[in-house]
C-alpha cells in the first residue's frame, strides 16, 4: 500500500528527475561552453579583454552555482517524492533542524520521539525534512515492511542526500543508522537497497507505475 495522496504530480516528478539526471550538469557544461573562449584565447584583441583561467572562472562561476543548486535541490526533491509516498505522516521542508522538530511536536497523526532523536544525533542545517515511514508489501511468501522515522538532509550545491534512519520501538527511537544517495544513483533504486523494500513511483492516472 502506498499513500497516493502524498505522491507527486506526474509532470513535477518527470521534471525533477530530468533536472537530477541531466539538467544541473547540462547548465554547468553550457556555462563552460559559452565562456570557452576565455580559456582557448589568451587575449581578445579587438575588445581588449584578457583571457585565461581567472577571467574564465569569474564568468563561469554563476553558471556553476546555478547548476549545482538546481542539481542539489532536485536530488533532495526526488528522494522526498519517494519517501512521501510511503510515509504515514511527514514534516514540512526546512533549512534548520529546529523547524523539523517543531513540526514533529505538532504532528496530529504520530507522536515523534523528538528527545530520543536528538540524543541519537540529527542533522542541523541543509534541506531538511522528516518522515514516518509505514508500509508493507507481500512478495510471494515474504512480507517486506518499513517502519522507521527518517530525516533527510540535502546539501546545497552538492547532488548528495544523507538519510538519518531511526529504528523505532513503539514510538521510541532506539537506534540510528545513516545512508547516502549520491548522483547518479537512482533515487528509487537506492532507497530500495537502503530499506530492503521496493520503492516504486505511483501516479493517479496516465503515468502507471515506475521504479
Protein backbone atom coordinates (compact mmCIF):
# COMPACT_ATOMS: atom_id res chain seq x y z
CA UNK A 1 0.00 0.00 0.00
CA UNK A 2 1.22 3.47 -0.86
CA UNK A 3 -0.17 6.77 0.36
CA UNK A 4 -1.16 8.02 -3.08
CA UNK A 5 -2.39 11.32 -1.72
CA UNK A 6 1.23 12.06 -0.79
CA UNK A 7 2.57 11.33 -4.27
CA UNK A 8 3.74 13.96 -6.77
CA UNK A 9 2.08 15.13 -9.93
CA UNK A 10 3.33 13.24 -12.97
CA UNK A 11 4.79 16.34 -14.64
CA UNK A 12 6.51 17.52 -11.46
CA UNK A 13 8.12 14.11 -10.97
CA UNK A 14 9.39 13.95 -14.55
CA UNK A 15 10.77 17.50 -14.36
CA UNK A 16 12.55 16.77 -11.09
CA UNK A 17 14.12 13.60 -12.44
CA UNK A 18 15.18 15.41 -15.61
CA UNK A 19 16.91 18.11 -13.57
CA UNK A 20 18.53 15.46 -11.34
CA UNK A 21 19.91 13.31 -14.14
CA UNK A 22 20.58 15.92 -16.84
CA UNK A 23 19.53 19.50 -16.06
CA UNK A 24 22.03 20.52 -13.39
CA UNK A 25 25.00 19.05 -15.24
CA UNK A 26 23.76 20.48 -18.56
CA UNK A 27 23.66 24.02 -17.13
CA UNK A 28 27.22 23.68 -15.84
CA UNK A 29 28.50 22.32 -19.15
CA UNK A 30 26.66 25.01 -21.11
CA UNK A 31 28.18 27.70 -18.92
CA UNK A 32 31.63 26.29 -19.61
CA UNK A 33 30.87 26.15 -23.33
CA UNK A 34 29.66 29.74 -23.74
CA UNK A 35 32.74 31.03 -21.91
CA UNK A 36 35.21 28.67 -23.54
CA UNK A 37 36.99 31.41 -25.49
CA UNK A 38 38.43 32.79 -22.27
CA UNK A 39 40.38 29.55 -21.97
CA UNK A 40 41.08 28.97 -25.65
CA UNK A 41 42.37 32.52 -26.28
CA UNK A 42 44.72 34.43 -24.06
CA UNK A 43 43.54 37.78 -25.33
CA UNK A 44 40.58 39.19 -27.25
CA UNK A 45 42.49 41.70 -29.32
CA UNK A 46 39.54 43.60 -30.75
CA UNK A 47 37.85 44.08 -27.39
CA UNK A 48 41.00 44.42 -25.35
CA UNK A 49 39.86 41.70 -22.93
CA UNK A 50 42.37 39.33 -21.45
CA UNK A 51 41.65 35.60 -21.39
CA UNK A 52 42.91 32.87 -19.11
CA UNK A 53 41.75 30.71 -16.24
CA UNK A 54 40.76 33.51 -13.85
CA UNK A 55 38.66 35.53 -16.36
CA UNK A 56 37.01 32.28 -17.42
CA UNK A 57 36.23 31.29 -13.84
CA UNK A 58 34.72 34.68 -12.96
CA UNK A 59 32.26 34.39 -15.85
CA UNK A 60 31.64 30.69 -15.33
CA UNK A 61 31.04 30.91 -11.56
CA UNK A 62 27.39 31.99 -11.78
CA UNK A 63 26.59 29.17 -14.19
CA UNK A 64 28.34 26.73 -11.87
CA UNK A 65 26.43 27.87 -8.79
CA UNK A 66 23.06 27.82 -10.55
CA UNK A 67 23.71 24.35 -11.96
CA UNK A 68 24.87 22.96 -8.61
CA UNK A 69 21.92 24.48 -6.76
CA UNK A 70 19.41 23.00 -9.21
CA UNK A 71 21.26 19.69 -9.04
CA UNK A 72 21.19 19.58 -5.24
CA UNK A 73 17.55 20.67 -4.92
CA UNK A 74 16.40 18.11 -7.49
CA UNK A 75 18.29 15.31 -5.70
CA UNK A 76 16.62 16.26 -2.41
CA UNK A 77 13.20 16.55 -4.05
CA UNK A 78 13.50 13.22 -5.86
CA UNK A 79 14.18 11.44 -2.56
CA UNK A 80 11.34 13.40 -0.97
CA UNK A 81 8.87 12.22 -3.61
CA UNK A 82 9.64 8.55 -2.95
CA UNK A 83 9.71 8.79 0.84
CA UNK A 84 6.50 10.83 0.96
CA UNK A 85 4.66 8.15 -1.00
CA UNK A 86 5.39 5.58 1.72
CA UNK A 87 5.06 7.87 4.73
CA UNK A 88 2.12 7.84 7.11
CA UNK A 89 2.91 11.44 8.01
CA UNK A 90 5.76 13.90 7.46
CA UNK A 91 7.02 17.36 8.34
CA UNK A 92 7.42 20.33 6.08
CA UNK A 93 10.73 21.18 4.42
CA UNK A 94 13.08 23.38 6.45
CA UNK A 95 16.63 24.73 6.43
CA UNK A 96 17.29 24.04 10.13
CA UNK A 97 16.55 21.12 12.43
CA UNK A 98 14.55 23.32 14.78
CA UNK A 99 11.85 23.72 12.12
CA UNK A 100 11.65 19.96 11.56
CA UNK A 101 11.42 19.26 15.29
CA UNK A 102 8.72 21.88 15.74
CA UNK A 103 6.64 20.20 13.03
CA UNK A 104 7.21 16.82 14.68
CA UNK A 105 5.99 18.11 18.04
CA UNK A 106 2.83 19.47 16.45
CA UNK A 107 2.07 16.42 14.29
CA UNK A 108 -1.53 15.26 14.74
CA UNK A 109 -1.05 11.70 13.46
CA UNK A 110 2.15 10.41 15.10
CA UNK A 111 3.99 11.27 18.31
CA UNK A 112 7.60 11.62 17.21
CA UNK A 113 10.20 10.86 19.89
CA UNK A 114 11.97 14.18 19.41
CA UNK A 115 14.11 13.83 22.55
CA UNK A 116 15.22 10.35 21.52
CA UNK A 117 16.08 11.55 18.02
CA UNK A 118 18.18 14.38 19.43
CA UNK A 119 20.05 12.01 21.73
CA UNK A 120 20.89 9.66 18.86
CA UNK A 121 22.00 12.52 16.61
CA UNK A 122 20.45 14.58 13.87
CA UNK A 123 21.40 16.97 11.05
CA UNK A 124 21.47 20.65 11.94
CA UNK A 125 21.25 22.57 8.65
CA UNK A 126 20.59 21.91 4.97
CA UNK A 127 17.49 20.94 3.04
CA UNK A 128 15.73 19.02 5.82
CA UNK A 129 12.50 17.04 6.09
CA UNK A 130 11.23 14.33 8.44
CA UNK A 131 9.09 11.28 7.65
CA UNK A 132 7.32 8.44 9.45
CA UNK A 133 7.65 5.52 7.06
CA UNK A 134 4.98 2.86 7.47
CA UNK A 135 4.09 0.31 4.83
CA UNK A 136 4.27 -3.38 3.93
CA UNK A 137 4.31 -5.42 0.74
CA UNK A 138 3.95 -9.14 0.12
CA UNK A 139 6.38 -10.75 -2.32
CA UNK A 140 5.44 -14.40 -2.61
CA UNK A 141 5.80 -15.82 0.89
CA UNK A 142 7.85 -12.83 2.08
CA UNK A 143 6.28 -9.75 3.61
CA UNK A 144 8.57 -6.73 3.48
CA UNK A 145 7.94 -3.90 5.91
CA UNK A 146 9.20 -0.42 6.60
CA UNK A 147 8.57 1.23 9.96
CA UNK A 148 11.15 3.92 10.63
CA UNK A 149 11.47 7.61 11.28
CA UNK A 150 13.70 9.30 8.71
CA UNK A 151 15.20 12.76 8.47
CA UNK A 152 16.58 13.62 5.05
CA UNK A 153 19.39 16.15 4.66
CA UNK A 154 20.15 17.68 1.28
CA UNK A 155 23.44 19.53 0.80
CA UNK A 156 23.23 22.89 -1.00
CA UNK A 157 25.37 22.86 -4.17
CA UNK A 158 26.03 19.09 -3.96
CA UNK A 159 23.97 16.31 -5.63
CA UNK A 160 24.12 14.29 -2.41
CA UNK A 161 21.40 13.40 0.09
CA UNK A 162 22.04 11.95 3.54
CA UNK A 163 19.39 9.90 5.32
CA UNK A 164 19.21 9.66 9.11
CA UNK A 165 17.23 6.46 9.75
CA UNK A 166 15.85 5.92 13.24
CA UNK A 167 14.64 2.47 14.21
CA UNK A 168 11.63 2.77 16.47
CA UNK A 169 10.12 0.53 19.14
CA UNK A 170 6.56 1.66 19.53
CA UNK A 171 7.06 5.40 19.42
CA UNK A 172 10.56 5.46 20.94
CA UNK A 173 13.64 5.99 18.77
CA UNK A 174 16.07 3.19 19.66
CA UNK A 175 18.95 3.33 17.17
CA UNK A 176 20.33 5.38 14.29
CA UNK A 177 21.98 4.49 11.03
CA UNK A 178 22.84 6.72 8.11
CA UNK A 179 22.94 6.22 4.36
CA UNK A 180 23.59 8.34 1.28
CA UNK A 181 22.21 8.91 -2.18
CA UNK A 182 24.95 10.18 -4.48
CA UNK A 183 24.49 11.17 -8.13
CA UNK A 184 23.97 9.31 -10.47
CA UNK A 185 22.31 6.70 -8.25
CA UNK A 186 18.61 6.08 -8.91
CA UNK A 187 16.55 7.53 -6.03
CA UNK A 188 14.03 4.69 -6.09
CA UNK A 189 16.68 2.02 -6.56
CA UNK A 190 18.94 3.41 -3.85
CA UNK A 191 16.09 3.67 -1.33
CA UNK A 192 15.08 0.08 -2.13
CA UNK A 193 18.64 -1.01 -1.27
CA UNK A 194 18.78 1.01 1.94
CA UNK A 195 15.46 -0.20 3.36
CA UNK A 196 15.26 -3.63 1.68
CA UNK A 197 11.82 -2.58 0.49
CA UNK A 198 10.61 -1.94 -3.07
CA UNK A 199 10.22 1.80 -3.56
CA UNK A 200 8.14 2.42 -6.68
CA UNK A 201 6.50 5.54 -8.03
CA UNK A 202 2.72 5.54 -8.40
CA UNK A 203 0.53 8.08 -10.17
CA UNK A 204 -3.20 8.60 -10.00
CA UNK A 205 -3.64 8.41 -13.76
CA UNK A 206 -1.73 8.41 -17.02
CA UNK A 207 1.65 7.56 -15.55
CA UNK A 208 1.20 3.97 -14.45
CA UNK A 209 3.86 2.60 -12.14
CA UNK A 210 7.59 3.01 -12.47
CA UNK A 211 10.65 2.30 -10.38
